[in-house]
Amino acid sequence: MDEHEEALKASTRRYRRTEAAHEESRKASTADVIAALKAGVPPTKAAALSPFTATHVRKLARDAGIPPARKGQTAAS
């Protein structure tokens, strides 16, 4: 087996070892984003503080039944 195949096998083992921890972190981050949005944190700020894109944060909000903010509305409005 050549060095590239060995490297690929090793990186696959690392990936599989950390996959469960990554999934657990993703679920925790998702729950924290939803909680923040429900508490009035604007989606743009939630996205900036999270590992997710703004598009994904908006999808999480919609999936959680959080209505979109009106254009120009801030958390203080």
N, C-alpha and C. Protein backbone atom coordinates (compact mmCIF):
# COMPACT_ATOMS: atom_id res chain seq x y z
N MET A 1 0.85 -1.17 0.00
CA MET A 1 0.00 0.00 0.00
C MET A 1 0.90 1.24 0.00
N ASP A 2 0.57 2.22 -0.84
CA ASP A 2 1.44 3.40 -0.93
C ASP A 2 1.09 4.43 0.15
N GLU A 3 1.88 5.49 0.22
CA GLU A 3 1.73 6.49 1.28
C GLU A 3 0.39 7.21 1.21
N HIS A 4 -0.18 7.39 0.02
CA HIS A 4 -1.47 8.07 -0.11
C HIS A 4 -2.60 7.19 0.42
N GLU A 5 -2.52 5.92 0.15
CA GLU A 5 -3.53 4.99 0.66
C GLU A 5 -3.45 4.91 2.19
N GLU A 6 -2.24 4.87 2.72
CA GLU A 6 -2.05 4.84 4.18
C GLU A 6 -2.59 6.12 4.81
N ALA A 7 -2.30 7.26 4.19
CA ALA A 7 -2.80 8.54 4.70
C ALA A 7 -4.32 8.57 4.68
N LEU A 8 -4.91 8.06 3.62
CA LEU A 8 -6.37 8.02 3.50
C LEU A 8 -6.99 7.12 4.55
N LYS A 9 -6.39 5.97 4.78
CA LYS A 9 -6.89 5.06 5.82
C LYS A 9 -6.81 5.73 7.19
N ALA A 10 -5.72 6.41 7.47
CA ALA A 10 -5.55 7.07 8.77
C ALA A 10 -6.55 8.21 8.95
N SER A 11 -6.75 9.02 7.92
CA SER A 11 -7.70 10.13 8.05
C SER A 11 -9.13 9.62 8.17
N THR A 12 -9.43 8.51 7.52
CA THR A 12 -10.76 7.90 7.65
C THR A 12 -10.99 7.39 9.07
N ARG A 13 -9.96 6.79 9.66
CA ARG A 13 -10.08 6.34 11.06
C ARG A 13 -10.33 7.53 11.99
N ARG A 14 -9.59 8.63 11.80
CA ARG A 14 -9.78 9.83 12.63
C ARG A 14 -11.19 10.38 12.45
N TYR A 15 -11.65 10.44 11.21
CA TYR A 15 -12.99 10.93 10.91
C TYR A 15 -14.04 10.11 11.64
N ARG A 16 -13.93 8.82 11.56
CA ARG A 16 -14.92 7.94 12.20
C ARG A 16 -14.87 8.03 13.72
N ARG A 17 -13.67 8.23 14.28
CA ARG A 17 -13.52 8.37 15.74
C ARG A 17 -14.18 9.64 16.24
N THR A 18 -14.16 10.71 15.45
CA THR A 18 -14.69 11.99 15.90
C THR A 18 -16.09 12.30 15.40
N GLU A 19 -16.64 11.44 14.57
CA GLU A 19 -17.94 11.68 13.96
C GLU A 19 -19.05 11.85 15.00
N ALA A 20 -19.10 11.01 16.02
CA ALA A 20 -20.15 11.11 17.04
C ALA A 20 -20.03 12.41 17.83
N ALA A 21 -18.82 12.80 18.17
CA ALA A 21 -18.61 14.05 18.90
C ALA A 21 -19.04 15.25 18.04
N HIS A 22 -18.75 15.21 16.77
CA HIS A 22 -19.15 16.28 15.87
C HIS A 22 -20.67 16.39 15.80
N GLU A 23 -21.34 15.26 15.67
CA GLU A 23 -22.80 15.25 15.60
C GLU A 23 -23.41 15.78 16.90
N GLU A 24 -22.86 15.40 18.03
CA GLU A 24 -23.35 15.90 19.32
C GLU A 24 -23.15 17.41 19.42
N SER A 25 -22.03 17.92 18.97
CA SER A 25 -21.77 19.36 18.98
C SER A 25 -22.72 20.09 18.04
N ARG A 26 -23.01 19.50 16.88
CA ARG A 26 -23.94 20.11 15.92
C ARG A 26 -25.32 20.24 16.55
N LYS A 27 -25.77 19.18 17.23
CA LYS A 27 -27.09 19.22 17.88
C LYS A 27 -27.13 20.27 18.98
N ALA A 28 -26.07 20.37 19.77
CA ALA A 28 -26.01 21.37 20.84
C ALA A 28 -26.01 22.78 20.26
N SER A 29 -25.24 23.00 19.20
CA SER A 29 -25.20 24.31 18.56
C SER A 29 -26.55 24.68 17.98
N THR A 30 -27.23 23.71 17.38
CA THR A 30 -28.56 23.95 16.83
C THR A 30 -29.52 24.38 17.94
N ALA A 31 -29.53 23.65 19.04
CA ALA A 31 -30.41 23.99 20.16
C ALA A 31 -30.09 25.38 20.71
N ASP A 32 -28.82 25.71 20.81
CA ASP A 32 -28.42 27.03 21.32
C ASP A 32 -28.84 28.15 20.37
N VAL A 33 -28.72 27.93 19.08
CA VAL A 33 -29.15 28.93 18.10
C VAL A 33 -30.65 29.16 18.23
N ILE A 34 -31.42 28.09 18.30
CA ILE A 34 -32.88 28.22 18.41
C ILE A 34 -33.25 28.95 19.70
N ALA A 35 -32.61 28.61 20.81
CA ALA A 35 -32.89 29.28 22.08
C ALA A 35 -32.56 30.76 21.98
N ALA A 36 -31.43 31.09 21.36
CA ALA A 36 -31.04 32.49 21.21
C ALA A 36 -32.05 33.25 20.35
N LEU A 37 -32.48 32.64 19.25
CA LEU A 37 -33.46 33.30 18.39
C LEU A 37 -34.77 33.53 19.14
N LYS A 38 -35.20 32.55 19.90
CA LYS A 38 -36.44 32.70 20.68
C LYS A 38 -36.30 33.78 21.74
N ALA A 39 -35.07 34.01 22.21
CA ALA A 39 -34.83 35.04 23.22
C ALA A 39 -34.65 36.42 22.59
N GLY A 40 -34.72 36.50 21.27
CA GLY A 40 -34.65 37.79 20.61
C GLY A 40 -33.33 38.14 19.96
N VAL A 41 -32.39 37.23 19.97
CA VAL A 41 -31.12 37.49 19.28
C VAL A 41 -31.40 37.51 17.78
N PRO A 42 -30.97 38.56 17.09
CA PRO A 42 -31.22 38.63 15.64
C PRO A 42 -30.52 37.48 14.91
N PRO A 43 -31.14 36.98 13.84
CA PRO A 43 -30.53 35.88 13.09
C PRO A 43 -29.12 36.16 12.60
N THR A 44 -28.84 37.40 12.20
CA THR A 44 -27.50 37.72 11.72
C THR A 44 -26.47 37.57 12.83
N LYS A 45 -26.85 37.99 14.04
CA LYS A 45 -25.92 37.85 15.17
C LYS A 45 -25.78 36.38 15.56
N ALA A 46 -26.91 35.64 15.56
CA ALA A 46 -26.85 34.20 15.88
C ALA A 46 -25.93 33.48 14.89
N ALA A 47 -26.03 33.84 13.63
CA ALA A 47 -25.18 33.22 12.61
C ALA A 47 -23.72 33.56 12.85
N ALA A 48 -23.45 34.82 13.18
CA ALA A 48 -22.07 35.24 13.40
C ALA A 48 -21.44 34.53 14.60
N LEU A 49 -22.26 34.20 15.59
CA LEU A 49 -21.75 33.56 16.81
C LEU A 49 -21.76 32.04 16.74
N SER A 50 -22.36 31.51 15.70
CA SER A 50 -22.50 30.06 15.57
C SER A 50 -21.62 29.52 14.46
N PRO A 51 -21.56 28.19 14.34
CA PRO A 51 -20.80 27.61 13.23
C PRO A 51 -21.61 27.53 11.93
N PHE A 52 -22.81 28.11 11.93
CA PHE A 52 -23.73 27.97 10.80
C PHE A 52 -23.77 29.23 9.94
N THR A 53 -24.16 29.05 8.69
CA THR A 53 -24.36 30.19 7.79
C THR A 53 -25.67 30.88 8.15
N ALA A 54 -25.82 32.11 7.69
CA ALA A 54 -27.06 32.85 7.92
C ALA A 54 -28.24 32.11 7.29
N THR A 55 -28.03 31.53 6.13
CA THR A 55 -29.10 30.78 5.47
C THR A 55 -29.55 29.61 6.33
N HIS A 56 -28.59 28.89 6.91
CA HIS A 56 -28.94 27.75 7.76
C HIS A 56 -29.64 28.21 9.03
N VAL A 57 -29.21 29.32 9.60
CA VAL A 57 -29.87 29.85 10.81
C VAL A 57 -31.32 30.21 10.49
N ARG A 58 -31.56 30.82 9.34
CA ARG A 58 -32.94 31.14 8.96
C ARG A 58 -33.77 29.87 8.80
N LYS A 59 -33.17 28.83 8.23
CA LYS A 59 -33.89 27.55 8.08
C LYS A 59 -34.20 26.96 9.45
N LEU A 60 -33.25 27.00 10.37
CA LEU A 60 -33.49 26.50 11.71
C LEU A 60 -34.64 27.27 12.35
N ALA A 61 -34.65 28.58 12.17
CA ALA A 61 -35.72 29.41 12.73
C ALA A 61 -37.07 29.00 12.16
N ARG A 62 -37.15 28.86 10.85
CA ARG A 62 -38.43 28.48 10.23
C ARG A 62 -38.88 27.10 10.72
N ASP A 63 -37.93 26.16 10.77
CA ASP A 63 -38.26 24.80 11.22
C ASP A 63 -38.73 24.78 12.67
N ALA A 64 -38.27 25.76 13.46
CA ALA A 64 -38.66 25.85 14.87
C ALA A 64 -39.91 26.70 15.05
N GLY A 65 -40.49 27.18 13.95
CA GLY A 65 -41.70 27.97 14.04
C GLY A 65 -41.47 29.42 14.46
N ILE A 66 -40.25 29.90 14.35
CA ILE A 66 -39.94 31.29 14.69
C ILE A 66 -40.22 32.13 13.45
N PRO A 67 -41.14 33.10 13.55
CA PRO A 67 -41.47 33.90 12.36
C PRO A 67 -40.31 34.80 11.96
N PRO A 68 -40.21 35.10 10.68
CA PRO A 68 -39.14 36.00 10.23
C PRO A 68 -39.37 37.41 10.76
N ALA A 69 -38.28 38.10 11.04
CA ALA A 69 -38.39 39.49 11.47
C ALA A 69 -38.84 40.32 10.27
N ARG A 70 -39.61 41.36 10.56
CA ARG A 70 -40.01 42.26 9.47
C ARG A 70 -38.77 43.01 9.01
N LYS A 71 -38.77 43.36 7.75
CA LYS A 71 -37.61 44.07 7.18
C LYS A 71 -37.35 45.34 7.98
N GLY A 72 -36.09 45.51 8.39
CA GLY A 72 -35.70 46.68 9.15
C GLY A 72 -35.94 46.56 10.64
N GLN A 73 -36.56 45.47 11.07
CA GLN A 73 -36.85 45.27 12.49
C GLN A 73 -35.61 44.73 13.18
N THR A 74 -35.35 45.23 14.37
CA THR A 74 -34.23 44.72 15.18
C THR A 74 -34.80 44.02 16.39
N ALA A 75 -33.94 43.40 17.17
CA ALA A 75 -34.39 42.70 18.37
C ALA A 75 -35.04 43.65 19.35
N ALA A 76 -34.65 44.92 19.33
CA ALA A 76 -35.22 45.89 20.27
C ALA A 76 -36.56 46.43 19.78
N SER A 77 -36.92 46.23 18.50
CA SER A 77 -38.16 46.76 17.94
C SER A 77 -39.37 45.99 18.41
